[in-house]
């Protein structure tokens, strides 16, 4: 069985609207599992340049799937031990939430594998 790695990654500026208000950052942080394949998320890495706690929200078909908090001026690496199959047509997306008035930059890298 052949697997293909996929990544949602990049460096993105943000302006926080509140920790209860995650916002999409860029269209490149959205992925749809192709027809005939299954995908799994395998890790998350993120960095935060701001002086406040932020979090990255992984959505599955618009619903929260995982929350990744990132401390002020900090970075995290989260190997995902609990993986779930994402069926063909499933849409995953990364969004960021930060306290209102907080501006910064996040470095994001979500690793997926298609099987």
N, C-alpha and C. Protein backbone atom coordinates (compact mmCIF):
# COMPACT_ATOMS: atom_id res chain seq x y z
N UNK A 1 0.84 -1.17 0.00
CA UNK A 1 0.00 0.00 0.00
C UNK A 1 0.89 1.24 0.00
N UNK A 2 0.69 2.10 -0.96
CA UNK A 2 1.50 3.30 -1.07
C UNK A 2 0.84 4.44 -0.30
N UNK A 3 1.64 5.23 0.39
CA UNK A 3 1.12 6.41 1.09
C UNK A 3 1.80 7.65 0.52
N UNK A 4 1.09 8.76 0.58
CA UNK A 4 1.60 10.03 0.06
C UNK A 4 1.49 11.09 1.16
N UNK A 5 2.63 11.73 1.50
CA UNK A 5 2.54 12.79 2.51
C UNK A 5 1.93 14.06 1.95
N UNK A 6 1.18 14.75 2.78
CA UNK A 6 0.61 16.06 2.44
C UNK A 6 0.85 16.99 3.62
N UNK A 7 0.96 18.28 3.34
CA UNK A 7 1.28 19.24 4.39
C UNK A 7 0.42 20.49 4.25
N UNK A 8 -0.05 20.99 5.37
CA UNK A 8 -0.64 22.32 5.43
C UNK A 8 0.38 23.14 6.22
N UNK A 9 1.04 24.07 5.55
CA UNK A 9 2.14 24.74 6.22
C UNK A 9 2.38 26.13 5.67
N UNK A 10 3.08 26.93 6.45
CA UNK A 10 3.45 28.27 6.02
C UNK A 10 3.60 29.20 7.21
N UNK A 11 3.88 30.44 6.88
CA UNK A 11 4.04 31.50 7.88
C UNK A 11 2.95 32.53 7.61
N UNK A 12 2.17 32.85 8.67
CA UNK A 12 0.98 33.68 8.47
C UNK A 12 0.85 34.72 9.58
N UNK A 13 0.59 35.96 9.18
CA UNK A 13 0.29 37.02 10.14
C UNK A 13 -1.17 36.89 10.58
N UNK A 14 -1.45 37.32 11.82
CA UNK A 14 -2.82 37.28 12.31
C UNK A 14 -3.10 38.51 13.17
N UNK A 15 -4.38 38.83 13.28
CA UNK A 15 -4.88 39.85 14.20
C UNK A 15 -5.98 39.19 15.01
N UNK A 16 -5.74 39.00 16.28
CA UNK A 16 -6.68 38.29 17.14
C UNK A 16 -8.00 39.01 17.29
N UNK A 17 -9.07 38.22 17.32
CA UNK A 17 -10.43 38.74 17.52
C UNK A 17 -11.06 38.18 18.79
N UNK A 18 -10.23 37.46 19.60
CA UNK A 18 -10.73 36.85 20.82
C UNK A 18 -10.48 35.35 20.79
N UNK A 19 -10.23 34.78 21.97
CA UNK A 19 -9.95 33.34 22.00
C UNK A 19 -11.16 32.49 21.64
N UNK A 20 -12.35 33.09 21.69
CA UNK A 20 -13.55 32.35 21.30
C UNK A 20 -13.86 32.52 19.82
N UNK A 21 -12.98 33.20 19.09
CA UNK A 21 -13.25 33.50 17.69
C UNK A 21 -12.08 33.09 16.80
N UNK A 22 -11.95 31.78 16.52
CA UNK A 22 -10.90 31.37 15.60
C UNK A 22 -11.20 31.86 14.18
N UNK A 23 -10.13 32.22 13.47
CA UNK A 23 -10.27 32.79 12.13
C UNK A 23 -9.44 32.03 11.12
N UNK A 24 -9.96 31.87 9.92
CA UNK A 24 -9.13 31.27 8.86
C UNK A 24 -8.02 32.25 8.48
N UNK A 25 -6.87 31.72 8.11
CA UNK A 25 -5.73 32.57 7.77
C UNK A 25 -5.45 32.62 6.28
N UNK A 26 -5.59 31.47 5.61
CA UNK A 26 -5.19 31.39 4.21
C UNK A 26 -5.82 30.14 3.59
N UNK A 27 -6.17 30.23 2.34
CA UNK A 27 -6.76 29.09 1.64
C UNK A 27 -5.85 27.88 1.55
N UNK A 28 -4.53 28.09 1.67
CA UNK A 28 -3.60 26.96 1.61
C UNK A 28 -3.66 26.10 2.86
N UNK A 29 -4.38 26.54 3.89
CA UNK A 29 -4.50 25.78 5.13
C UNK A 29 -5.79 24.96 5.14
N UNK A 30 -6.27 24.66 3.94
CA UNK A 30 -7.49 23.86 3.78
C UNK A 30 -7.17 22.70 2.85
N UNK A 31 -7.66 21.50 3.20
CA UNK A 31 -7.34 20.29 2.43
C UNK A 31 -8.58 19.41 2.35
N UNK A 32 -8.85 18.89 1.18
CA UNK A 32 -9.95 17.96 0.97
C UNK A 32 -9.38 16.60 0.59
N UNK A 33 -9.77 15.56 1.30
CA UNK A 33 -9.30 14.21 1.01
C UNK A 33 -9.84 13.80 -0.37
N UNK A 34 -8.92 13.42 -1.28
CA UNK A 34 -9.36 13.07 -2.64
C UNK A 34 -10.26 11.82 -2.67
N UNK A 35 -11.07 11.75 -3.70
CA UNK A 35 -11.92 10.58 -3.91
C UNK A 35 -11.07 9.32 -3.99
N UNK A 36 -11.55 8.25 -3.36
CA UNK A 36 -10.88 6.96 -3.41
C UNK A 36 -9.73 6.81 -2.43
N UNK A 37 -9.47 7.84 -1.62
CA UNK A 37 -8.37 7.77 -0.66
C UNK A 37 -8.87 8.02 0.75
N UNK A 38 -8.04 7.64 1.71
CA UNK A 38 -8.26 7.94 3.12
C UNK A 38 -7.03 8.69 3.59
N UNK A 39 -7.19 9.65 4.48
CA UNK A 39 -6.05 10.40 5.01
C UNK A 39 -6.08 10.35 6.54
N UNK A 40 -4.91 10.62 7.12
CA UNK A 40 -4.79 10.73 8.57
C UNK A 40 -3.86 11.89 8.88
N UNK A 41 -4.18 12.63 9.94
CA UNK A 41 -3.25 13.64 10.43
C UNK A 41 -2.23 12.93 11.31
N UNK A 42 -0.96 13.27 11.17
CA UNK A 42 0.07 12.54 11.91
C UNK A 42 0.88 13.42 12.87
N UNK A 43 0.95 14.73 12.62
CA UNK A 43 1.63 15.60 13.57
C UNK A 43 1.23 17.04 13.34
N UNK A 44 1.52 17.88 14.34
CA UNK A 44 1.34 19.33 14.22
C UNK A 44 2.57 20.00 14.82
N UNK A 45 3.07 21.00 14.12
CA UNK A 45 4.13 21.86 14.65
C UNK A 45 3.66 23.29 14.48
N UNK A 46 3.90 24.11 15.48
CA UNK A 46 3.49 25.50 15.37
C UNK A 46 4.36 26.40 16.22
N UNK A 47 4.52 27.62 15.76
CA UNK A 47 5.25 28.65 16.50
C UNK A 47 4.42 29.91 16.53
N UNK A 48 4.61 30.71 17.59
CA UNK A 48 3.82 31.91 17.81
C UNK A 48 4.76 33.06 18.18
N UNK A 49 4.75 34.13 17.40
CA UNK A 49 5.64 35.26 17.66
C UNK A 49 5.06 36.26 18.65
N UNK A 50 3.79 36.18 18.96
CA UNK A 50 3.16 37.20 19.80
C UNK A 50 3.47 36.97 21.29
N UNK A 51 3.14 37.96 22.08
CA UNK A 51 3.36 37.89 23.52
C UNK A 51 2.17 37.32 24.28
N UNK A 52 1.23 36.67 23.58
CA UNK A 52 0.03 36.11 24.20
C UNK A 52 -0.15 34.64 23.79
N UNK A 53 -0.86 33.90 24.63
CA UNK A 53 -1.25 32.54 24.27
C UNK A 53 -2.19 32.59 23.07
N UNK A 54 -1.95 31.75 22.10
CA UNK A 54 -2.87 31.60 20.97
C UNK A 54 -3.15 30.11 20.84
N UNK A 55 -4.11 29.76 20.02
CA UNK A 55 -4.26 28.34 19.70
C UNK A 55 -4.61 28.18 18.22
N UNK A 56 -4.23 27.04 17.73
CA UNK A 56 -4.56 26.66 16.36
C UNK A 56 -5.64 25.59 16.46
N UNK A 57 -6.69 25.78 15.71
CA UNK A 57 -7.82 24.86 15.71
C UNK A 57 -7.83 24.08 14.41
N UNK A 58 -7.84 22.76 14.53
CA UNK A 58 -7.99 21.90 13.37
C UNK A 58 -9.47 21.54 13.25
N UNK A 59 -10.06 21.94 12.13
CA UNK A 59 -11.48 21.67 11.87
C UNK A 59 -11.61 20.49 10.92
N UNK A 60 -12.62 19.68 11.16
CA UNK A 60 -12.99 18.60 10.22
C UNK A 60 -14.42 18.87 9.78
N UNK A 61 -14.59 19.16 8.52
CA UNK A 61 -15.91 19.49 7.96
C UNK A 61 -16.60 20.58 8.78
N UNK A 62 -15.80 21.56 9.22
CA UNK A 62 -16.33 22.71 9.94
C UNK A 62 -16.48 22.54 11.44
N UNK A 63 -16.24 21.32 11.94
CA UNK A 63 -16.36 21.07 13.38
C UNK A 63 -14.97 20.92 14.00
N UNK A 64 -14.79 21.41 15.24
CA UNK A 64 -13.49 21.26 15.89
C UNK A 64 -13.07 19.79 16.00
N UNK A 65 -11.81 19.53 15.66
CA UNK A 65 -11.25 18.18 15.74
C UNK A 65 -10.14 18.12 16.79
N UNK A 66 -9.22 19.13 16.78
CA UNK A 66 -8.12 19.21 17.74
C UNK A 66 -7.80 20.69 18.00
N UNK A 67 -7.38 20.97 19.24
CA UNK A 67 -6.91 22.30 19.62
C UNK A 67 -5.43 22.18 19.95
N UNK A 68 -4.63 23.11 19.43
CA UNK A 68 -3.20 23.13 19.70
C UNK A 68 -2.83 24.48 20.31
N UNK A 69 -2.78 24.59 21.65
CA UNK A 69 -2.37 25.86 22.25
C UNK A 69 -0.87 26.07 22.05
N UNK A 70 -0.50 27.34 21.81
CA UNK A 70 0.91 27.71 21.65
C UNK A 70 1.14 28.92 22.55
N UNK A 71 2.07 28.79 23.48
CA UNK A 71 2.37 29.86 24.41
C UNK A 71 2.97 31.07 23.74
N UNK A 72 3.08 32.17 24.52
CA UNK A 72 3.67 33.40 24.02
C UNK A 72 5.11 33.17 23.60
N UNK A 73 5.43 33.60 22.40
CA UNK A 73 6.79 33.47 21.85
C UNK A 73 7.33 32.06 22.06
N UNK A 74 6.51 31.09 21.67
CA UNK A 74 6.86 29.69 21.93
C UNK A 74 6.54 28.84 20.70
N UNK A 75 6.88 27.58 20.79
CA UNK A 75 6.60 26.64 19.71
C UNK A 75 6.23 25.29 20.30
N UNK A 76 5.49 24.49 19.53
CA UNK A 76 5.10 23.16 19.98
C UNK A 76 5.28 22.17 18.83
N UNK A 77 5.51 20.93 19.22
CA UNK A 77 5.50 19.80 18.28
C UNK A 77 4.61 18.75 18.91
N UNK A 78 3.57 18.35 18.23
CA UNK A 78 2.61 17.40 18.77
C UNK A 78 2.51 16.21 17.82
N UNK A 79 3.18 15.09 18.17
CA UNK A 79 2.94 13.88 17.38
C UNK A 79 1.56 13.34 17.75
N UNK A 80 0.72 13.13 16.77
CA UNK A 80 -0.67 12.73 17.05
C UNK A 80 -0.73 11.22 17.24
N UNK A 81 -0.89 10.81 18.49
CA UNK A 81 -0.91 9.38 18.83
C UNK A 81 -2.28 8.79 18.53
N UNK A 82 -3.31 9.60 18.64
CA UNK A 82 -4.65 9.14 18.31
C UNK A 82 -4.97 9.66 16.91
N UNK A 83 -4.92 8.78 15.95
CA UNK A 83 -5.20 9.19 14.57
C UNK A 83 -6.55 8.62 14.15
N UNK A 84 -7.19 9.37 13.30
CA UNK A 84 -8.50 8.95 12.83
C UNK A 84 -8.48 8.97 11.31
N UNK A 85 -9.15 8.01 10.72
CA UNK A 85 -9.27 8.01 9.28
C UNK A 85 -10.18 9.15 8.84
N UNK A 86 -9.73 9.87 7.83
CA UNK A 86 -10.53 10.93 7.21
C UNK A 86 -10.96 10.41 5.84
N UNK A 87 -12.23 10.19 5.69
CA UNK A 87 -12.77 9.61 4.46
C UNK A 87 -12.67 10.59 3.29
N UNK A 88 -12.76 10.04 2.09
CA UNK A 88 -12.77 10.88 0.89
C UNK A 88 -13.85 11.95 1.01
N UNK A 89 -13.48 13.16 0.61
CA UNK A 89 -14.43 14.27 0.67
C UNK A 89 -14.38 15.07 1.96
N UNK A 90 -13.70 14.52 2.98
CA UNK A 90 -13.57 15.25 4.24
C UNK A 90 -12.71 16.49 4.02
N UNK A 91 -13.14 17.60 4.60
CA UNK A 91 -12.38 18.85 4.49
C UNK A 91 -11.79 19.17 5.85
N UNK A 92 -10.46 19.35 5.90
CA UNK A 92 -9.81 19.79 7.13
C UNK A 92 -9.23 21.18 6.90
N UNK A 93 -9.19 21.97 7.96
CA UNK A 93 -8.72 23.35 7.86
C UNK A 93 -8.11 23.76 9.18
N UNK A 94 -7.05 24.57 9.10
CA UNK A 94 -6.44 25.16 10.29
C UNK A 94 -6.89 26.60 10.42
N UNK A 95 -7.27 26.98 11.65
CA UNK A 95 -7.61 28.37 11.96
C UNK A 95 -6.86 28.77 13.22
N UNK A 96 -6.74 30.06 13.46
CA UNK A 96 -6.00 30.57 14.62
C UNK A 96 -6.90 31.48 15.43
N UNK A 97 -6.81 31.37 16.76
CA UNK A 97 -7.51 32.27 17.66
C UNK A 97 -6.49 32.91 18.60
N UNK A 98 -6.67 34.20 18.84
CA UNK A 98 -5.78 34.95 19.73
C UNK A 98 -6.62 36.01 20.45
N UNK A 99 -6.14 36.48 21.61
CA UNK A 99 -6.88 37.53 22.31
C UNK A 99 -7.11 38.74 21.40
N UNK A 100 -8.24 39.39 21.61
CA UNK A 100 -8.56 40.58 20.80
C UNK A 100 -7.44 41.60 20.91
N UNK A 101 -7.07 42.16 19.77
CA UNK A 101 -6.02 43.18 19.73
C UNK A 101 -4.61 42.64 19.64
N UNK A 102 -4.46 41.31 19.70
CA UNK A 102 -3.13 40.71 19.60
C UNK A 102 -2.77 40.49 18.14
N UNK A 103 -1.64 41.00 17.75
CA UNK A 103 -1.15 40.77 16.39
C UNK A 103 0.14 39.97 16.48
N UNK A 104 0.35 39.11 15.51
CA UNK A 104 1.56 38.31 15.51
C UNK A 104 1.66 37.49 14.24
N UNK A 105 2.56 36.56 14.30
CA UNK A 105 2.79 35.65 13.17
C UNK A 105 2.86 34.23 13.72
N UNK A 106 2.25 33.31 13.02
CA UNK A 106 2.36 31.90 13.38
C UNK A 106 3.07 31.14 12.27
N UNK A 107 3.83 30.17 12.68
CA UNK A 107 4.46 29.24 11.75
C UNK A 107 3.76 27.91 11.94
N UNK A 108 3.14 27.40 10.89
CA UNK A 108 2.31 26.20 11.00
C UNK A 108 2.80 25.09 10.09
N UNK A 109 2.67 23.87 10.58
CA UNK A 109 3.04 22.70 9.78
C UNK A 109 2.20 21.52 10.28
N UNK A 110 1.19 21.15 9.52
CA UNK A 110 0.36 19.99 9.83
C UNK A 110 0.70 18.90 8.82
N UNK A 111 1.12 17.75 9.34
CA UNK A 111 1.46 16.64 8.46
C UNK A 111 0.31 15.67 8.35
N UNK A 112 -0.01 15.30 7.13
CA UNK A 112 -1.05 14.31 6.85
C UNK A 112 -0.45 13.24 5.95
N UNK A 113 -1.09 12.10 5.92
CA UNK A 113 -0.70 11.05 5.00
C UNK A 113 -1.96 10.53 4.31
N UNK A 114 -1.87 10.41 3.00
CA UNK A 114 -2.96 9.82 2.21
C UNK A 114 -2.62 8.36 1.95
N UNK A 115 -3.60 7.51 2.10
CA UNK A 115 -3.42 6.08 1.83
C UNK A 115 -4.47 5.65 0.85
